[in-house]
Each structure stands twice: as C-alpha cells, then as structure tokens.
N, C-alpha and C. Protein backbone atom coordinates (compact mmCIF):
# COMPACT_ATOMS: atom_id res chain seq x y z
N MET A 1 0.84 -0.87 0.21
CA MET A 1 -0.29 -0.11 -0.15
C MET A 1 0.51 0.99 0.17
N THR A 2 0.02 2.71 -1.24
CA THR A 2 1.32 3.33 -1.30
C THR A 2 1.14 4.51 0.06
N PHE A 3 1.51 5.03 0.47
CA PHE A 3 1.15 6.64 1.56
C PHE A 3 1.68 8.28 1.31
N SER A 4 0.12 8.23 0.68
CA SER A 4 0.23 9.62 -0.48
C SER A 4 -0.30 10.78 0.94
N THR A 5 0.89 12.44 0.89
CA THR A 5 0.48 13.10 1.67
C THR A 5 -0.54 14.17 0.53
N ILE A 6 -0.08 13.88 -0.52
CA ILE A 6 -0.95 14.63 -1.59
C ILE A 6 -2.27 13.92 -2.08
N GLU A 7 -3.58 15.18 -1.53
CA GLU A 7 -4.80 14.48 -1.59
C GLU A 7 -5.47 15.06 -3.23
N TYR A 8 -5.57 14.18 -3.47
CA TYR A 8 -5.70 14.41 -4.90
C TYR A 8 -7.20 15.08 -5.49
N GLU A 9 -8.36 14.54 -4.00
CA GLU A 9 -9.13 14.82 -5.16
C GLU A 9 -9.31 16.30 -4.62
N ARG A 10 -8.73 16.07 -3.00
CA ARG A 10 -9.30 17.80 -3.57
C ARG A 10 -8.27 19.09 -3.48
N ASP A 11 -6.84 18.48 -4.48
CA ASP A 11 -6.85 19.13 -4.72
C ASP A 11 -6.56 19.30 -6.88
N LEU A 12 -7.56 18.96 -6.87
CA LEU A 12 -7.71 18.94 -8.85
C LEU A 12 -9.18 18.26 -8.94
N ASN A 13 -9.81 19.15 -10.37
CA ASN A 13 -11.23 19.44 -10.70
C ASN A 13 -11.30 17.63 -11.00
N THR A 14 -12.67 17.64 -11.49
CA THR A 14 -12.58 16.12 -11.79
C THR A 14 -11.81 15.16 -13.25
N ALA A 15 -12.13 15.91 -14.22
CA ALA A 15 -11.03 16.55 -15.32
C ALA A 15 -8.67 16.45 -15.31
N GLN A 16 -8.74 17.03 -14.40
CA GLN A 16 -7.28 17.22 -14.72
C GLN A 16 -7.25 15.80 -13.75
N LEU A 17 -7.92 15.06 -12.74
CA LEU A 17 -7.44 14.11 -12.06
C LEU A 17 -7.79 12.71 -12.44
N GLU A 18 -8.14 12.70 -13.20
CA GLU A 18 -9.27 11.32 -14.54
C GLU A 18 -7.33 11.38 -14.85
N ALA A 19 -6.97 13.32 -15.51
CA ALA A 19 -5.47 12.48 -16.39
C ALA A 19 -4.07 11.92 -15.37
N VAL A 20 -4.32 12.65 -13.92
CA VAL A 20 -3.17 12.35 -13.00
C VAL A 20 -3.17 10.60 -13.01
N THR A 21 -4.51 10.12 -12.77
CA THR A 21 -4.31 9.10 -12.42
C THR A 21 -5.33 8.15 -13.57
N ALA A 22 -4.04 8.32 -14.54
CA ALA A 22 -4.75 7.70 -15.98
C ALA A 22 -4.34 6.24 -15.97
N PRO A 23 -4.26 5.07 -16.33
CA PRO A 23 -3.45 4.00 -17.12
C PRO A 23 -2.20 4.70 -17.18
N ASP A 24 -1.11 2.96 -16.92
CA ASP A 24 0.69 3.46 -17.09
C ASP A 24 0.11 3.29 -19.08
N GLY A 25 1.64 4.64 -19.25
CA GLY A 25 1.25 4.74 -20.33
C GLY A 25 0.96 6.78 -20.82
N PRO A 26 1.93 6.81 -22.01
CA PRO A 26 2.01 7.56 -22.10
C PRO A 26 0.69 8.98 -22.29
N ILE A 27 0.40 10.48 -21.92
CA ILE A 27 -1.08 10.94 -21.62
C ILE A 27 -0.12 12.10 -22.71
N LEU A 28 -1.59 12.46 -22.97
CA LEU A 28 -1.32 13.42 -23.78
C LEU A 28 -2.57 14.85 -23.52
N ILE A 29 -1.99 15.84 -23.04
CA ILE A 29 -2.38 16.79 -22.14
C ILE A 29 -3.19 18.85 -22.44
N ILE A 30 -3.94 18.45 -23.37
CA ILE A 30 -3.89 19.82 -24.63
C ILE A 30 -5.45 21.21 -23.74
N ALA A 31 -4.98 21.45 -23.28
CA ALA A 31 -5.72 22.75 -22.13
C ALA A 31 -5.85 24.18 -22.29
N GLY A 32 -6.25 24.74 -22.57
CA GLY A 32 -6.48 26.26 -22.48
C GLY A 32 -5.41 27.08 -21.43
N ALA A 33 -5.44 28.01 -21.76
CA ALA A 33 -3.61 29.20 -20.80
C ALA A 33 -4.20 29.42 -19.47
N GLY A 34 -4.68 28.83 -18.70
CA GLY A 34 -4.94 28.70 -17.62
C GLY A 34 -5.43 27.85 -17.27
N SER A 35 -5.27 26.65 -17.33
CA SER A 35 -6.76 25.74 -16.89
C SER A 35 -5.63 24.85 -16.04
N GLY A 36 -4.50 24.65 -16.31
CA GLY A 36 -3.86 23.84 -14.76
C GLY A 36 -3.48 22.96 -15.00
N LYS A 37 -2.62 22.97 -16.98
CA LYS A 37 -2.31 21.48 -17.35
C LYS A 37 -0.94 21.05 -16.60
N THR A 38 -0.47 22.83 -16.05
CA THR A 38 0.64 22.46 -15.49
C THR A 38 0.80 21.90 -13.89
N ARG A 39 0.05 22.44 -13.32
CA ARG A 39 0.16 21.82 -12.25
C ARG A 39 -0.81 20.29 -12.25
N THR A 40 -1.64 19.67 -13.22
CA THR A 40 -2.43 18.73 -13.24
C THR A 40 -0.58 18.05 -14.09
N ILE A 41 0.27 18.15 -14.30
CA ILE A 41 1.33 17.32 -14.79
C ILE A 41 2.13 17.22 -13.69
N VAL A 42 2.47 17.96 -13.34
CA VAL A 42 3.18 17.81 -11.72
C VAL A 42 2.30 16.87 -10.89
N TYR A 43 1.48 16.46 -10.86
CA TYR A 43 0.68 15.85 -9.73
C TYR A 43 1.15 14.26 -10.78
N ARG A 44 0.45 14.44 -11.91
CA ARG A 44 0.88 13.37 -12.73
C ARG A 44 2.14 12.92 -12.31
N VAL A 45 3.00 13.35 -12.71
CA VAL A 45 4.62 13.00 -11.63
C VAL A 45 4.83 12.69 -10.67
N ALA A 46 4.61 13.28 -9.90
CA ALA A 46 4.50 12.86 -7.87
C ALA A 46 3.26 11.53 -8.20
N TRP A 47 2.26 11.21 -8.36
CA TRP A 47 1.90 9.53 -8.72
C TRP A 47 2.69 9.39 -9.22
N LEU A 48 3.12 9.01 -10.82
CA LEU A 48 3.78 7.77 -10.72
C LEU A 48 4.63 7.10 -10.34
N VAL A 49 5.36 8.99 -9.92
CA VAL A 49 6.38 7.90 -8.64
C VAL A 49 6.36 6.95 -7.13
N GLU A 50 4.40 7.57 -6.67
CA GLU A 50 4.11 7.17 -5.21
C GLU A 50 3.93 5.83 -6.19
N GLN A 51 3.50 5.11 -7.66
CA GLN A 51 3.25 3.92 -8.17
C GLN A 51 4.68 2.63 -7.97
N GLY A 52 5.50 3.56 -7.84
CA GLY A 52 6.97 2.60 -8.49
C GLY A 52 7.68 3.09 -9.77
N VAL A 53 6.76 4.07 -10.36
CA VAL A 53 7.80 4.71 -11.05
C VAL A 53 8.93 5.47 -10.85
N SER A 54 10.13 4.86 -11.65
CA SER A 54 11.51 5.98 -11.29
C SER A 54 11.72 6.65 -12.08
N PRO A 55 11.94 8.39 -11.24
CA PRO A 55 11.42 9.70 -11.37
C PRO A 55 12.50 9.99 -13.02
N GLU A 56 13.60 8.89 -12.75
CA GLU A 56 14.68 9.13 -13.96
C GLU A 56 13.86 8.51 -15.97
N SER A 57 13.03 8.01 -15.41
CA SER A 57 12.26 7.23 -16.69
C SER A 57 10.80 7.44 -17.18
N ILE A 58 10.76 9.32 -16.36
CA ILE A 58 9.36 10.05 -16.27
C ILE A 58 9.82 10.83 -17.65
N LEU A 59 9.33 11.61 -18.63
CA LEU A 59 9.52 12.47 -20.11
C LEU A 59 8.24 13.07 -19.48
N LEU A 60 9.08 14.45 -19.50
CA LEU A 60 7.87 15.64 -19.87
C LEU A 60 8.31 16.60 -20.94
N LEU A 61 7.44 16.05 -22.09
CA LEU A 61 7.72 17.90 -22.69
C LEU A 61 6.81 18.90 -22.79
N THR A 62 7.52 19.54 -23.31
CA THR A 62 6.32 21.50 -23.85
C THR A 62 7.74 22.57 -24.82
N TYR A 63 6.47 23.49 -24.82
CA TYR A 63 7.70 23.76 -26.15
C TYR A 63 8.11 24.82 -26.51
N THR A 64 8.22 25.40 -24.99
CA THR A 64 9.35 27.07 -24.45
C THR A 64 10.11 26.37 -23.46
N ARG A 65 10.63 26.43 -23.46
CA ARG A 65 12.09 26.95 -22.53
C ARG A 65 11.68 27.16 -21.19
N LYS A 66 10.88 28.70 -21.26
CA LYS A 66 10.42 28.87 -20.46
C LYS A 66 9.08 28.13 -19.51
N SER A 67 8.32 27.74 -20.18
CA SER A 67 7.65 26.83 -19.58
C SER A 67 8.20 24.98 -18.80
N ALA A 68 8.99 24.63 -19.09
CA ALA A 68 10.54 24.02 -19.26
C ALA A 68 10.57 23.64 -17.92
N GLU A 69 11.21 25.29 -17.47
CA GLU A 69 11.62 25.35 -16.57
C GLU A 69 11.08 25.52 -16.09
N GLU A 70 9.79 26.16 -15.28
CA GLU A 70 8.59 25.86 -14.36
C GLU A 70 8.11 24.53 -14.23
N MET A 71 8.28 23.78 -15.34
CA MET A 71 8.04 22.84 -15.15
C MET A 71 8.75 22.02 -14.10
N LEU A 72 9.77 21.90 -14.83
CA LEU A 72 11.07 21.42 -14.05
C LEU A 72 10.93 22.45 -12.54
N ALA A 73 11.06 23.31 -12.47
CA ALA A 73 10.71 23.55 -11.15
C ALA A 73 9.62 23.08 -10.11
N ARG A 74 8.61 23.62 -10.25
CA ARG A 74 7.30 22.95 -9.86
C ARG A 74 8.11 20.97 -9.57
N ALA A 75 8.04 20.32 -10.09
CA ALA A 75 8.29 19.36 -9.96
C ALA A 75 9.56 18.94 -9.08
N ALA A 76 10.60 19.18 -9.02
CA ALA A 76 11.70 19.21 -7.98
C ALA A 76 11.28 19.86 -6.79
N THR A 77 10.39 20.60 -5.92
CA THR A 77 10.17 20.86 -5.19
C THR A 77 8.73 20.15 -4.99
N GLY A 78 8.13 19.45 -5.77
CA GLY A 78 7.05 18.58 -5.03
C GLY A 78 5.75 19.06 -5.50
N ALA A 79 4.61 18.11 -5.10
CA ALA A 79 2.68 18.65 -5.96
C ALA A 79 3.22 17.88 -4.03
N ARG A 80 3.84 17.33 -3.48
CA ARG A 80 3.75 17.64 -1.86
C ARG A 80 3.71 18.47 -0.82
N HIS A 81 4.58 19.26 -1.45
CA HIS A 81 4.28 20.68 -0.75
C HIS A 81 3.27 21.79 -1.33
N ALA A 82 2.71 21.70 -2.31
CA ALA A 82 2.46 22.41 -3.14
C ALA A 82 0.49 22.95 -1.74
N PRO A 83 0.05 24.13 -1.36
CA PRO A 83 -0.46 24.61 -0.93
C PRO A 83 -1.56 24.42 -2.20
N PRO A 84 -3.02 24.57 -1.44
CA PRO A 84 -4.22 24.27 -2.89
C PRO A 84 -4.89 25.59 -3.47
N GLY A 85 -4.74 25.12 -4.05
CA GLY A 85 -5.20 26.24 -4.80
C GLY A 85 -3.98 26.66 -6.08
N PRO A 86 -3.52 27.26 -6.98
CA PRO A 86 -3.16 27.59 -7.72
C PRO A 86 -1.66 27.89 -7.34
N LEU A 87 -1.11 27.03 -8.60
CA LEU A 87 0.68 26.49 -7.77
C LEU A 87 1.26 27.76 -8.23
N PRO A 88 2.13 28.27 -7.15
CA PRO A 88 3.00 29.55 -7.27
C PRO A 88 3.64 29.30 -8.56
C-alpha cells in the first residue's frame, strides 16, 4: 500500500484527476491557458512516483524553454509541498 500526503481529490478537478490517475503509458494534455496543465503534469509525476515509477524514466515535453523550466521547478519541489489552489 502506498502512503500519499497529496490529497488528489481535494487539489484537482475531475478532468485533472482523470489525467493524473490515467493508466500507465504516455498521455497528452491539451487545454487552454490558465486551466491547470502544469499543475496536472506535476501531480501526474508525483502520482507515478508514488506508484513506483522511477523519476529517471519519466519524460516531460513542452514547447518553450520558459515553460520547461517552470515545470521542472514545480516537479523538483514536489506537489507534496503545494498548498491548495493555484501553484505559484
């Protein structure tokens, strides 16, 4: 049994939760600006790691260097430390 300090159901809406807990394999997230794409991806990474996936085996792709740096920073600090609501 995996212990999680992340309250996925509290922190994510239904669509985000579905993406975060999707079955193994690649997923594509397409959504409009401000819809929580990065938050969803960060929580997906945390969920995968909690399921036993090695962080080194996770590939995150984005279109811009700025968004890549933001995504890496959020993933590095971990969703565990994210307060409810939008991520900083």
